[in-house]
Protein backbone atom coordinates (compact mmCIF):
# COMPACT_ATOMS: atom_id res chain seq x y z
CA MET A 1 -9.93 -10.56 28.75
CA ASP A 2 -11.28 -13.06 26.50
CA LYS A 3 -9.87 -13.09 22.79
CA VAL A 4 -13.19 -12.28 21.25
CA TRP A 5 -13.58 -8.99 23.47
CA ILE A 6 -10.10 -8.01 22.34
CA ARG A 7 -10.68 -8.76 18.87
CA SER A 8 -14.12 -6.79 19.13
CA ALA A 9 -12.95 -3.77 20.73
CA ALA A 10 -9.98 -3.74 18.22
CA LEU A 11 -12.25 -3.66 15.23
CA VAL A 12 -14.48 -1.09 16.93
CA VAL A 13 -11.43 1.08 17.46
CA THR A 14 -10.46 0.56 13.80
CA ALA A 15 -13.70 1.18 12.62
CA ALA A 16 -14.30 4.55 14.41
CA GLY A 17 -11.01 5.67 12.84
CA ILE A 18 -11.83 4.89 9.45
CA ALA A 19 -15.06 6.53 10.14
CA ALA A 20 -12.74 9.73 11.36
CA VAL A 21 -10.67 9.82 8.06
CA ALA A 22 -13.75 9.83 5.86
CA ALA A 23 -15.09 12.50 8.01
CA TYR A 24 -12.10 14.60 7.81
CA HIS A 25 -10.25 13.52 4.76
CA GLY A 26 -10.40 17.16 3.25
CA ILE A 27 -7.68 17.90 5.74
CA ILE A 28 -5.57 14.90 5.16
CA ASP A 29 -3.05 15.89 2.19
CA PRO A 30 0.49 15.56 1.50
CA LEU A 31 1.27 19.01 2.74
CA ALA A 32 -0.31 18.58 5.81
CA VAL A 33 1.59 15.21 6.42
CA ARG A 34 4.95 17.28 5.46
CA ASN A 35 4.27 20.06 7.84
CA ALA A 36 3.71 17.73 10.72
CA ILE A 37 6.80 16.07 10.80
CA ALA A 38 9.38 18.06 8.82
CA GLY A 39 12.30 18.96 10.80
CA ASN A 40 11.93 16.53 13.36
CA PRO A 41 14.92 14.23 13.95
CA LEU A 42 12.79 11.12 13.96
CA SER A 43 10.89 12.01 10.91
CA PRO A 44 11.63 8.74 8.96
CA ILE A 45 10.47 6.62 11.88
CA LEU A 46 7.36 9.03 12.22
CA PHE A 47 6.67 8.71 8.74
CA VAL A 48 6.78 4.93 8.57
CA GLY A 49 4.48 4.87 11.64
CA LEU A 50 2.21 7.14 9.83
CA GLN A 51 1.98 4.69 6.62
CA ILE A 52 1.37 1.91 8.83
CA LEU A 53 -1.63 3.64 10.66
CA ALA A 54 -2.82 5.04 6.96
CA SER A 55 -3.04 1.33 5.91
CA LEU A 56 -5.29 0.15 8.92
CA LEU A 57 -7.61 3.45 8.39
CA PHE A 58 -7.85 2.98 4.71
CA VAL A 59 -6.00 6.60 3.97
CA PRO A 60 -4.92 6.37 0.23
CA ARG A 61 -1.32 5.69 -0.14
CA THR A 62 -0.91 7.81 -3.03
CA LEU A 63 -0.86 10.93 -0.90
CA LEU A 64 1.89 9.33 1.21
CA GLY A 65 4.11 8.54 -1.64
CA ILE A 66 3.90 12.12 -2.84
CA ALA A 67 4.29 13.30 1.01
CA ALA A 68 7.52 11.28 1.06
CA GLY A 69 8.97 13.06 -1.87
CA LEU A 70 8.31 16.42 -0.44
CA LEU A 71 10.01 15.37 2.94
CA PHE A 72 12.94 13.39 1.89
CA GLY A 73 13.65 13.95 -1.98
CA PHE A 74 13.49 11.24 -4.23
CA GLY A 75 16.20 8.83 -3.36
CA TRP A 76 15.31 8.69 0.67
CA GLY A 77 11.79 9.32 -0.18
CA LEU A 78 11.42 6.31 -2.22
CA LEU A 79 13.33 4.34 0.35
CA TRP A 80 11.04 5.22 3.15
CA ALA A 81 7.98 5.12 1.22
CA ILE A 82 8.56 1.65 0.17
CA VAL A 83 9.40 0.66 3.57
CA GLY A 84 6.40 2.10 5.10
CA ALA A 85 4.44 0.80 2.30
CA VAL A 86 5.48 -2.75 2.89
CA ALA A 87 5.16 -2.40 6.62
CA GLY A 88 1.49 -0.95 6.45
CA ALA A 89 0.77 -3.83 4.03
CA ALA A 90 2.01 -6.25 6.77
CA ALA A 91 0.22 -4.83 9.58
CA GLY A 92 -3.27 -4.76 7.41
CA PHE A 93 -2.37 -8.38 6.54
CA GLU A 94 -1.68 -9.50 10.20
CA PHE A 95 -4.71 -7.51 11.61
CA VAL A 96 -7.26 -9.15 9.18
CA ARG A 97 -5.37 -12.65 10.00
CA TRP A 98 -5.52 -11.91 13.66
CA MET A 99 -9.21 -11.72 13.38
CA GLY A 100 -9.35 -15.45 12.66
CA VAL A 101 -10.66 -15.08 8.98
CA THR A 102 -7.62 -16.55 6.91
CA GLY A 103 -9.16 -18.68 4.07
CA THR A 104 -12.37 -17.21 4.11
CA LEU A 105 -12.53 -16.26 0.47
CA ASP A 106 -11.50 -20.02 -0.53
CA GLN A 107 -14.66 -21.00 0.78
CA SER A 108 -16.77 -18.76 -1.11
CA PRO A 109 -18.61 -20.79 -3.83
CA ALA A 110 -18.95 -17.69 -6.14
CA ILE A 111 -14.91 -17.08 -6.43
CA GLY A 112 -13.44 -19.96 -4.57
CA ARG A 113 -11.81 -21.27 -7.90
CA LEU A 114 -10.57 -17.70 -8.69
CA ILE A 115 -8.96 -17.61 -5.22
CA ALA A 116 -7.38 -20.72 -5.36
CA ARG A 117 -5.73 -19.91 -9.13
CA THR A 118 -4.40 -16.63 -7.31
CA GLU A 119 -2.86 -18.59 -4.38
CA ARG A 120 -1.35 -20.81 -7.32
CA GLY A 121 0.18 -17.72 -8.83
CA GLY A 122 1.93 -16.84 -5.47
CA TRP A 123 3.93 -13.50 -5.30
CA ARG A 124 3.10 -12.70 -9.03
CA ALA A 125 -0.78 -12.70 -8.27
CA VAL A 126 -0.07 -10.58 -5.47
CA ALA A 127 2.29 -8.15 -7.58
CA ILE A 128 -0.31 -8.07 -10.15
CA MET A 129 -2.94 -6.91 -7.76
CA ARG A 130 -0.65 -4.05 -6.56
CA LEU A 131 -0.31 -2.73 -9.92
CA THR A 132 -3.87 -2.50 -10.43
CA PRO A 133 -6.14 0.27 -9.24
CA ILE A 134 -7.49 -1.50 -6.16
CA PRO A 135 -6.94 0.60 -3.08
CA HIS A 136 -3.91 -0.52 -0.83
CA SER A 137 -6.09 -1.22 2.40
CA VAL A 138 -8.79 -3.01 0.27
CA ALA A 139 -5.89 -5.21 -1.33
CA ASN A 140 -4.56 -5.89 2.16
CA THR A 141 -7.95 -7.06 3.45
CA LEU A 142 -8.67 -9.30 0.41
CA LEU A 143 -5.34 -10.88 0.08
CA ALA A 144 -5.44 -11.69 4.04
CA LEU A 145 -8.82 -13.53 3.40
CA THR A 146 -6.93 -16.19 1.11
CA ASN A 147 -4.29 -18.75 2.17
CA LEU A 148 -1.39 -16.76 0.73
CA SER A 149 2.04 -17.25 2.54
CA TRP A 150 3.65 -14.52 4.38
CA ARG A 151 6.65 -14.95 1.89
CA ASP A 152 4.57 -14.58 -1.34
CA TYR A 153 2.44 -11.68 0.01
CA LEU A 154 5.50 -9.64 1.36
CA VAL A 155 7.37 -10.27 -1.96
CA GLY A 156 4.57 -9.79 -4.31
CA SER A 157 3.61 -6.55 -2.50
CA GLY A 158 7.07 -5.12 -2.31
CA LEU A 159 7.52 -5.70 -6.21
CA GLY A 160 4.05 -4.70 -7.29
CA MET A 161 3.98 -1.34 -5.05
CA LEU A 162 7.60 -0.37 -6.06
CA PRO A 163 7.04 1.35 -9.87
CA MET A 164 3.89 3.39 -8.67
CA THR A 165 5.42 4.43 -5.30
CA ALA A 166 8.59 5.74 -7.31
CA ALA A 167 6.24 7.71 -9.55
CA GLN A 168 4.39 9.09 -6.54
CA VAL A 169 7.56 9.98 -4.73
CA ASP A 170 9.03 11.63 -7.93
CA ILE A 171 5.85 13.93 -8.05
CA GLY A 172 6.35 14.93 -4.63
CA ALA A 173 10.10 15.66 -5.01
CA SER A 174 9.74 17.69 -8.09
CA GLY A 175 6.52 19.66 -6.98
CA GLY A 176 8.07 22.99 -6.90
CA GLU A 177 10.13 22.24 -10.23
CA ILE A 178 7.13 21.19 -12.14
CA MET A 179 5.15 24.62 -11.33
CA GLN A 180 8.24 26.37 -12.52
CA GLY A 181 8.53 24.51 -15.97
CA HIS A 182 11.29 22.13 -15.35
CA THR A 183 11.46 18.88 -16.54
CA ARG A 184 11.42 16.59 -13.70
CA TRP A 185 7.77 15.48 -14.58
CA VAL A 186 9.51 13.54 -17.42
CA LEU A 187 10.77 10.95 -15.02
CA ALA A 188 7.60 10.78 -13.22
CA CYS A 189 5.80 9.65 -16.51
CA LEU A 190 8.74 7.17 -17.26
CA LEU A 191 7.88 5.62 -14.01
CA LEU A 192 4.30 5.32 -14.46
CA ALA A 193 5.19 3.90 -17.83
CA VAL A 194 7.40 1.17 -16.33
CA GLY A 195 4.55 0.53 -13.86
CA LEU A 196 2.21 -0.11 -16.56
CA GLY A 197 5.02 -2.34 -18.48
CA ALA A 198 5.60 -4.09 -15.33
CA THR A 199 1.91 -5.10 -15.01
CA PHE A 200 2.05 -6.51 -18.84
CA LEU A 201 5.19 -8.48 -18.06
CA LEU A 202 3.87 -9.89 -14.55
CA LYS A 203 0.54 -11.13 -16.25
CA ARG A 204 2.82 -12.75 -18.89
CA ALA A 205 4.57 -14.66 -16.34
CA ALA A 206 1.64 -15.54 -14.23
CA ARG A 207 0.22 -17.21 -17.29
CA GLY A 208 3.39 -19.02 -18.29
CA SER A 209 3.35 -20.54 -14.73
CA ARG A 210 0.20 -22.14 -14.76
């Protein structure tokens, strides 16, 4: 089968999946994810697979971070959440590049210079983008349209997603305790503050590297 047809079919299937997620988004929540795979001996592998699928179908990463805390607790939840997040980011990046559109944004007369500056920033620029409110799957797509290297993309994605992922996982892990008035929520707030602080520091580092 011709590559064009294969890519077209993959694009149609992905678009259909995104449409289905949009139509049934009300039933996709952390509790549903937990209930679907809790108790399964392969739950870590299933969870990472769900994160990869979610990345391709534009499912918000926040709900999966919370689900990781509900499923595995904070320590293991953070491990599987960040592994899944990076794997999902890699899958989204590779899918867009497989479509043959690498460097498209560099050629844009409107934002070409901005993209070139982002590429010079390397992993720092990627990390800063990951710390902003830009949705995970949207960031994957935009970054894949540049000429960023895989190394900068993966390193920046992992570091940039870590603080907020930790906060999301802790919220899930402490869910019951929050309702009972315990103080685990303090750690989640501190982790969010660390994420904001990391954004500031990475921006300073990016300016200093120019």
